[in-house]
Amino acid sequence: MQATLLNLLLIRSYNMYLIVIGQPTGVRVIQSDNPLMSIPLDPANRDYQRVLDDIIEQGADCFEGDIPEDLQVAADAKQFAQQVVAYTAATARIAQYQLSVGREEVVESQPTGEQVYNEETFEMEDVMADVITQTAIEPLEATVEVTVYGDDPEAEPTVETVTNPLIVTDVEERTAAQAVIDATPTEVIQHVEA
């Protein structure tokens, strides 16, 4: 067993990981702080993905010294992809109507597929019809009444007026989505909006 371990050449020592090169093959692998586990430099490997997540979350703190360039590039690409997904979801959430406000009906004039001859312009013109493209939705009530039961089974329940929990959830989700949008790097925004 010891002879096998001696065949690995230690390149760098990290806080959580080591990069080792097998002898005589020269294959690079990541070794975690568990000496019995080696992680191949393979994007399809879930432990490799965990190393990338550690780099994203902890930066150089998960390594002693510089992070190997190929791992940093892979971690940056993964983080960029995660930010694209998060930004896209956040903008989609913000685009939804606010439950406390509702939304107005939108009517557009659209061609019906029929044409008629215009005697003034001597041309065929599309017949237009008004079409509802967005239905109106009434805003939710700002408060709702809830029945509250006490610990005593013989006591009469009370009715309390509280802020509508659906509106509270809507505001919390919109606030969280806006925080994601505000924290998104410009490069990600430009990529998504391109």
C-alpha atoms as a PDB file:
ATOM      1  CA  MET A   1       0.000   0.000   0.000  1.00  0.00           C
ATOM      2  CA  GLN A   2       2.756   2.458   0.876  1.00  0.00           C
ATOM      3  CA  ALA A   3       4.550   1.827  -2.420  1.00  0.00           C
ATOM      4  CA  THR A   4       1.378   2.876  -4.269  1.00  0.00           C
ATOM      5  CA  LEU A   5       1.151   6.143  -2.358  1.00  0.00           C
ATOM      6  CA  LEU A   6       4.794   6.895  -3.098  1.00  0.00           C
ATOM      7  CA  ASN A   7       4.042   6.672  -6.826  1.00  0.00           C
ATOM      8  CA  LEU A   8       2.058   9.914  -6.539  1.00  0.00           C
ATOM      9  CA  LEU A   9       4.046  13.107  -6.784  1.00  0.00           C
ATOM     10  CA  LEU A  10       2.672  15.936  -4.643  1.00  0.00           C
ATOM     11  CA  ILE A  11       2.522  19.123  -6.691  1.00  0.00           C
ATOM     12  CA  ARG A  12       0.723  21.540  -4.353  1.00  0.00           C
ATOM     13  CA  SER A  13      -0.845  21.282  -0.944  1.00  0.00           C
ATOM     14  CA  TYR A  14      -4.273  22.905  -0.493  1.00  0.00           C
ATOM     15  CA  ASN A  15      -6.500  23.401   2.495  1.00  0.00           C
ATOM     16  CA  MET A  16      -9.224  21.127   1.172  1.00  0.00           C
ATOM     17  CA  TYR A  17      -7.705  19.648  -1.976  1.00  0.00           C
ATOM     18  CA  LEU A  18      -4.389  18.610  -3.456  1.00  0.00           C
ATOM     19  CA  ILE A  19      -3.449  18.301  -7.091  1.00  0.00           C
ATOM     20  CA  VAL A  20      -1.493  15.090  -7.606  1.00  0.00           C
ATOM     21  CA  ILE A  21       0.150  13.593 -10.641  1.00  0.00           C
ATOM     22  CA  GLY A  22       0.284   9.827 -10.877  1.00  0.00           C
ATOM     23  CA  GLN A  23       3.652   8.253 -11.688  1.00  0.00           C
ATOM     24  CA  PRO A  24       4.519   7.095 -14.300  1.00  0.00           C
ATOM     25  CA  THR A  25       1.257   7.995 -16.142  1.00  0.00           C
ATOM     26  CA  GLY A  26       1.333  11.728 -15.408  1.00  0.00           C
ATOM     27  CA  VAL A  27      -2.480  11.806 -14.950  1.00  0.00           C
ATOM     28  CA  ARG A  28      -3.570  14.801 -12.858  1.00  0.00           C
ATOM     29  CA  VAL A  29      -6.268  14.273 -10.243  1.00  0.00           C
ATOM     30  CA  ILE A  30      -7.638  16.251  -7.315  1.00  0.00           C
ATOM     31  CA  GLN A  31      -7.256  14.667  -3.930  1.00  0.00           C
ATOM     32  CA  SER A  32      -9.582  15.837  -1.180  1.00  0.00           C
ATOM     33  CA  ASP A  33      -8.696  15.995   2.489  1.00  0.00           C
ATOM     34  CA  ASN A  34      -9.818  12.347   2.519  1.00  0.00           C
ATOM     35  CA  PRO A  35      -6.592  10.616   1.342  1.00  0.00           C
ATOM     36  CA  LEU A  36      -8.559   7.612   0.049  1.00  0.00           C
ATOM     37  CA  MET A  37     -10.529   9.668  -2.472  1.00  0.00           C
ATOM     38  CA  SER A  38      -9.137  11.037  -5.715  1.00  0.00           C
ATOM     39  CA  ILE A  39     -11.279  13.174  -7.990  1.00  0.00           C
ATOM     40  CA  PRO A  40     -10.704  12.998 -11.746  1.00  0.00           C
ATOM     41  CA  LEU A  41     -10.548  16.239 -13.691  1.00  0.00           C
ATOM     42  CA  ASP A  42     -13.784  15.285 -15.461  1.00  0.00           C
ATOM     43  CA  PRO A  43     -16.727  17.718 -15.696  1.00  0.00           C
ATOM     44  CA  ALA A  44     -19.153  14.762 -15.640  1.00  0.00           C
ATOM     45  CA  ASN A  45     -17.902  13.742 -12.181  1.00  0.00           C
ATOM     46  CA  ARG A  46     -20.102  15.031  -9.333  1.00  0.00           C
ATOM     47  CA  ASP A  47     -17.133  15.404  -6.959  1.00  0.00           C
ATOM     48  CA  TYR A  48     -15.336  17.511  -9.578  1.00  0.00           C
ATOM     49  CA  GLN A  49     -18.464  19.694  -9.698  1.00  0.00           C
ATOM     50  CA  ARG A  50     -18.316  19.993  -5.894  1.00  0.00           C
ATOM     51  CA  VAL A  51     -14.699  21.221  -6.187  1.00  0.00           C
ATOM     52  CA  LEU A  52     -15.912  23.873  -8.661  1.00  0.00           C
ATOM     53  CA  ASP A  53     -18.702  24.837  -6.226  1.00  0.00           C
ATOM     54  CA  ASP A  54     -16.120  25.214  -3.438  1.00  0.00           C
ATOM     55  CA  ILE A  55     -14.029  27.463  -5.670  1.00  0.00           C
ATOM     56  CA  ILE A  56     -17.116  29.570  -6.487  1.00  0.00           C
ATOM     57  CA  GLU A  57     -18.183  29.834  -2.841  1.00  0.00           C
ATOM     58  CA  GLN A  58     -14.814  30.063  -1.082  1.00  0.00           C
ATOM     59  CA  GLY A  59     -12.426  31.301  -3.738  1.00  0.00           C
ATOM     60  CA  ALA A  60      -8.746  30.905  -2.850  1.00  0.00           C
ATOM     61  CA  ASP A  61      -9.678  29.901   0.711  1.00  0.00           C
ATOM     62  CA  CYS A  62     -10.175  26.304  -0.412  1.00  0.00           C
ATOM     63  CA  PHE A  63      -6.623  26.272  -1.772  1.00  0.00           C
ATOM     64  CA  GLU A  64      -3.287  27.180  -0.323  1.00  0.00           C
ATOM     65  CA  GLY A  65      -1.921  29.615  -2.886  1.00  0.00           C
ATOM     66  CA  ASP A  66      -3.294  30.050  -6.381  1.00  0.00           C
ATOM     67  CA  ILE A  67      -6.134  27.968  -7.749  1.00  0.00           C
ATOM     68  CA  PRO A  68      -4.959  25.997 -10.817  1.00  0.00           C
ATOM     69  CA  GLU A  69      -5.919  27.988 -13.907  1.00  0.00           C
ATOM     70  CA  ASP A  70      -7.949  25.224 -15.566  1.00  0.00           C
ATOM     71  CA  LEU A  71     -10.042  24.778 -12.412  1.00  0.00           C
ATOM     72  CA  GLN A  72     -10.583  28.543 -12.077  1.00  0.00           C
ATOM     73  CA  VAL A  73     -11.702  28.781 -15.716  1.00  0.00           C
ATOM     74  CA  ALA A  74     -14.140  25.885 -15.206  1.00  0.00           C
ATOM     75  CA  ALA A  75     -15.462  27.407 -11.954  1.00  0.00           C
ATOM     76  CA  ASP A  76     -15.928  30.807 -13.637  1.00  0.00           C
ATOM     77  CA  ALA A  77     -17.855  29.191 -16.522  1.00  0.00           C
ATOM     78  CA  LYS A  78     -20.082  27.292 -14.098  1.00  0.00           C
ATOM     79  CA  GLN A  79     -20.755  30.419 -12.050  1.00  0.00           C
ATOM     80  CA  PHE A  80     -21.583  32.395 -15.205  1.00  0.00           C
ATOM     81  CA  ALA A  81     -24.086  29.714 -16.272  1.00  0.00           C
ATOM     82  CA  GLN A  82     -25.665  29.729 -12.798  1.00  0.00           C
ATOM     83  CA  GLN A  83     -25.957  33.518 -12.901  1.00  0.00           C
ATOM     84  CA  VAL A  84     -27.625  33.374 -16.333  1.00  0.00           C
ATOM     85  CA  VAL A  85     -30.235  30.934 -15.001  1.00  0.00           C
ATOM     86  CA  ALA A  86     -30.807  32.981 -11.825  1.00  0.00           C
ATOM     87  CA  TYR A  87     -31.088  36.282 -13.726  1.00  0.00           C
ATOM     88  CA  THR A  88     -33.501  34.798 -16.267  1.00  0.00           C
ATOM     89  CA  ALA A  89     -35.720  33.393 -13.495  1.00  0.00           C
ATOM     90  CA  ALA A  90     -35.600  36.672 -11.549  1.00  0.00           C
ATOM     91  CA  THR A  91     -36.576  38.817 -14.529  1.00  0.00           C
ATOM     92  CA  ALA A  92     -39.408  36.404 -15.341  1.00  0.00           C
ATOM     93  CA  ARG A  93     -40.658  36.706 -11.736  1.00  0.00           C
ATOM     94  CA  ILE A  94     -40.509  40.512 -11.801  1.00  0.00           C
ATOM     95  CA  ALA A  95     -42.425  40.531 -15.120  1.00  0.00           C
ATOM     96  CA  GLN A  96     -45.423  38.844 -13.489  1.00  0.00           C
ATOM     97  CA  TYR A  97     -48.194  41.146 -12.331  1.00  0.00           C
ATOM     98  CA  GLN A  98     -48.305  42.264  -8.701  1.00  0.00           C
ATOM     99  CA  LEU A  99     -51.074  40.545  -6.761  1.00  0.00           C
ATOM    100  CA  SER A 100     -51.832  43.736  -4.809  1.00  0.00           C
ATOM    101  CA  VAL A 101     -52.208  45.746  -8.045  1.00  0.00           C
ATOM    102  CA  GLY A 102     -53.744  43.251 -10.479  1.00  0.00           C
ATOM    103  CA  ARG A 103     -53.489  43.909 -14.169  1.00  0.00           C
ATOM    104  CA  GLU A 104     -55.482  45.746 -16.787  1.00  0.00           C
ATOM    105  CA  GLU A 105     -57.101  44.264 -19.830  1.00  0.00           C
ATOM    106  CA  VAL A 106     -55.129  44.817 -23.042  1.00  0.00           C
ATOM    107  CA  VAL A 107     -56.949  45.000 -26.356  1.00  0.00           C
ATOM    108  CA  GLU A 108     -55.111  45.069 -29.673  1.00  0.00           C
ATOM    109  CA  SER A 109     -56.369  45.566 -33.192  1.00  0.00           C
ATOM    110  CA  GLN A 110     -55.248  42.556 -35.252  1.00  0.00           C
ATOM    111  CA  PRO A 111     -55.863  41.463 -38.856  1.00  0.00           C
ATOM    112  CA  THR A 112     -58.580  38.816 -39.276  1.00  0.00           C
ATOM    113  CA  GLY A 113     -57.095  37.295 -42.426  1.00  0.00           C
ATOM    114  CA  GLU A 114     -59.820  38.899 -44.535  1.00  0.00           C
ATOM    115  CA  GLN A 115     -59.188  41.720 -46.975  1.00  0.00           C
ATOM    116  CA  VAL A 116     -61.481  44.326 -48.514  1.00  0.00           C
ATOM    117  CA  TYR A 117     -60.997  46.710 -51.384  1.00  0.00           C
ATOM    118  CA  ASN A 118     -60.543  50.363 -50.396  1.00  0.00           C
ATOM    119  CA  GLU A 119     -62.110  52.527 -53.085  1.00  0.00           C
ATOM    120  CA  GLU A 120     -60.227  55.646 -51.934  1.00  0.00           C
ATOM    121  CA  THR A 121     -56.721  54.147 -52.093  1.00  0.00           C
ATOM    122  CA  PHE A 122     -57.552  51.530 -54.753  1.00  0.00           C
ATOM    123  CA  GLU A 123     -55.785  48.862 -52.641  1.00  0.00           C
ATOM    124  CA  MET A 124     -56.727  45.768 -50.701  1.00  0.00           C
ATOM    125  CA  GLU A 125     -56.662  46.320 -46.937  1.00  0.00           C
ATOM    126  CA  ASP A 126     -56.740  43.941 -44.013  1.00  0.00           C
ATOM    127  CA  VAL A 127     -59.938  43.745 -42.026  1.00  0.00           C
ATOM    128  CA  MET A 128     -59.022  44.450 -38.410  1.00  0.00           C
ATOM    129  CA  ALA A 129     -60.743  43.276 -35.247  1.00  0.00           C
ATOM    130  CA  ASP A 130     -60.167  44.125 -31.613  1.00  0.00           C
ATOM    131  CA  VAL A 131     -58.757  41.146 -29.722  1.00  0.00           C
ATOM    132  CA  ILE A 132     -58.174  40.822 -25.992  1.00  0.00           C
ATOM    133  CA  THR A 133     -54.510  39.851 -25.677  1.00  0.00           C
ATOM    134  CA  GLN A 134     -54.383  40.073 -21.888  1.00  0.00           C
ATOM    135  CA  THR A 135     -57.291  39.545 -19.561  1.00  0.00           C
ATOM    136  CA  ALA A 136     -57.875  41.814 -16.591  1.00  0.00           C
ATOM    137  CA  ILE A 137     -57.158  40.448 -13.131  1.00  0.00           C
ATOM    138  CA  GLU A 138     -58.524  42.217 -10.098  1.00  0.00           C
ATOM    139  CA  PRO A 139     -56.084  42.998  -7.285  1.00  0.00           C
ATOM    140  CA  LEU A 140     -56.300  40.852  -4.180  1.00  0.00           C
ATOM    141  CA  GLU A 141     -57.745  42.287  -1.002  1.00  0.00           C
ATOM    142  CA  ALA A 142     -54.965  43.810   1.114  1.00  0.00           C
ATOM    143  CA  THR A 143     -56.191  42.088   4.268  1.00  0.00           C
ATOM    144  CA  VAL A 144     -58.024  38.892   5.076  1.00  0.00           C
ATOM    145  CA  GLU A 145     -59.826  37.618   8.144  1.00  0.00           C
ATOM    146  CA  VAL A 146     -58.532  34.451   9.795  1.00  0.00           C
ATOM    147  CA  THR A 147     -60.098  32.443  12.566  1.00  0.00           C
ATOM    148  CA  VAL A 148     -57.717  31.849  15.462  1.00  0.00           C
ATOM    149  CA  TYR A 149     -58.246  28.966  17.856  1.00  0.00           C
ATOM    150  CA  GLY A 150     -56.678  29.113  21.299  1.00  0.00           C
ATOM    151  CA  ASP A 151     -55.187  26.307  23.375  1.00  0.00           C
ATOM    152  CA  ASP A 152     -58.361  25.967  25.397  1.00  0.00           C
ATOM    153  CA  PRO A 153     -60.816  23.781  23.440  1.00  0.00           C
ATOM    154  CA  GLU A 154     -63.764  25.384  25.241  1.00  0.00           C
ATOM    155  CA  ALA A 155     -62.768  28.959  24.400  1.00  0.00           C
ATOM    156  CA  GLU A 156     -64.484  30.709  21.523  1.00  0.00           C
ATOM    157  CA  PRO A 157     -62.317  31.219  18.437  1.00  0.00           C
ATOM    158  CA  THR A 158     -61.460  34.804  17.529  1.00  0.00           C
ATOM    159  CA  VAL A 159     -61.324  36.448  14.142  1.00  0.00           C
ATOM    160  CA  GLU A 160     -58.295  38.568  13.315  1.00  0.00           C
ATOM    161  CA  THR A 161     -57.584  40.757  10.308  1.00  0.00           C
ATOM    162  CA  VAL A 162     -54.128  40.138   8.835  1.00  0.00           C
ATOM    163  CA  THR A 163     -52.217  41.202   5.757  1.00  0.00           C
ATOM    164  CA  ASN A 164     -53.137  38.903   2.890  1.00  0.00           C
ATOM    165  CA  PRO A 165     -50.512  36.109   3.004  1.00  0.00           C
ATOM    166  CA  LEU A 166     -50.567  35.791  -0.796  1.00  0.00           C
ATOM    167  CA  ILE A 167     -49.576  39.443  -1.111  1.00  0.00           C
ATOM    168  CA  VAL A 168     -46.877  39.015   1.549  1.00  0.00           C
ATOM    169  CA  THR A 169     -45.413  36.064  -0.373  1.00  0.00           C
ATOM    170  CA  ASP A 170     -45.633  37.989  -3.650  1.00  0.00           C
ATOM    171  CA  VAL A 171     -43.753  40.960  -2.168  1.00  0.00           C
ATOM    172  CA  GLU A 172     -41.071  38.676  -0.649  1.00  0.00           C
ATOM    173  CA  GLU A 173     -40.549  36.838  -3.954  1.00  0.00           C
ATOM    174  CA  ARG A 174     -40.387  40.082  -5.918  1.00  0.00           C
ATOM    175  CA  THR A 175     -37.898  41.559  -3.428  1.00  0.00           C
ATOM    176  CA  ALA A 176     -35.694  38.451  -3.656  1.00  0.00           C
ATOM    177  CA  ALA A 177     -35.880  38.523  -7.467  1.00  0.00           C
ATOM    178  CA  GLN A 178     -34.922  42.203  -7.537  1.00  0.00           C
ATOM    179  CA  ALA A 179     -31.942  41.482  -5.261  1.00  0.00           C
ATOM    180  CA  VAL A 180     -30.746  38.820  -7.743  1.00  0.00           C
ATOM    181  CA  ILE A 181     -31.138  41.275 -10.629  1.00  0.00           C
ATOM    182  CA  ASP A 182     -29.284  44.013  -8.743  1.00  0.00           C
ATOM    183  CA  ALA A 183     -26.391  41.652  -7.887  1.00  0.00           C
ATOM    184  CA  THR A 184     -26.041  40.251 -11.415  1.00  0.00           C
ATOM    185  CA  PRO A 185     -22.793  41.266 -13.165  1.00  0.00           C
ATOM    186  CA  THR A 186     -23.123  43.415 -16.270  1.00  0.00           C
ATOM    187  CA  GLU A 187     -21.561  40.714 -18.493  1.00  0.00           C
ATOM    188  CA  VAL A 188     -24.321  38.271 -17.539  1.00  0.00           C
ATOM    189  CA  ILE A 189     -27.067  40.835 -18.184  1.00  0.00           C
ATOM    190  CA  GLN A 190     -25.583  41.680 -21.590  1.00  0.00           C
ATOM    191  CA  HIS A 191     -25.350  37.975 -22.463  1.00  0.00           C
ATOM    192  CA  VAL A 192     -28.988  37.322 -21.525  1.00  0.00           C
ATOM    193  CA  GLU A 193     -30.326  40.427 -23.242  1.00  0.00           C
ATOM    194  CA  ALA A 194     -28.271  39.941 -26.425  1.00  0.00           C
END
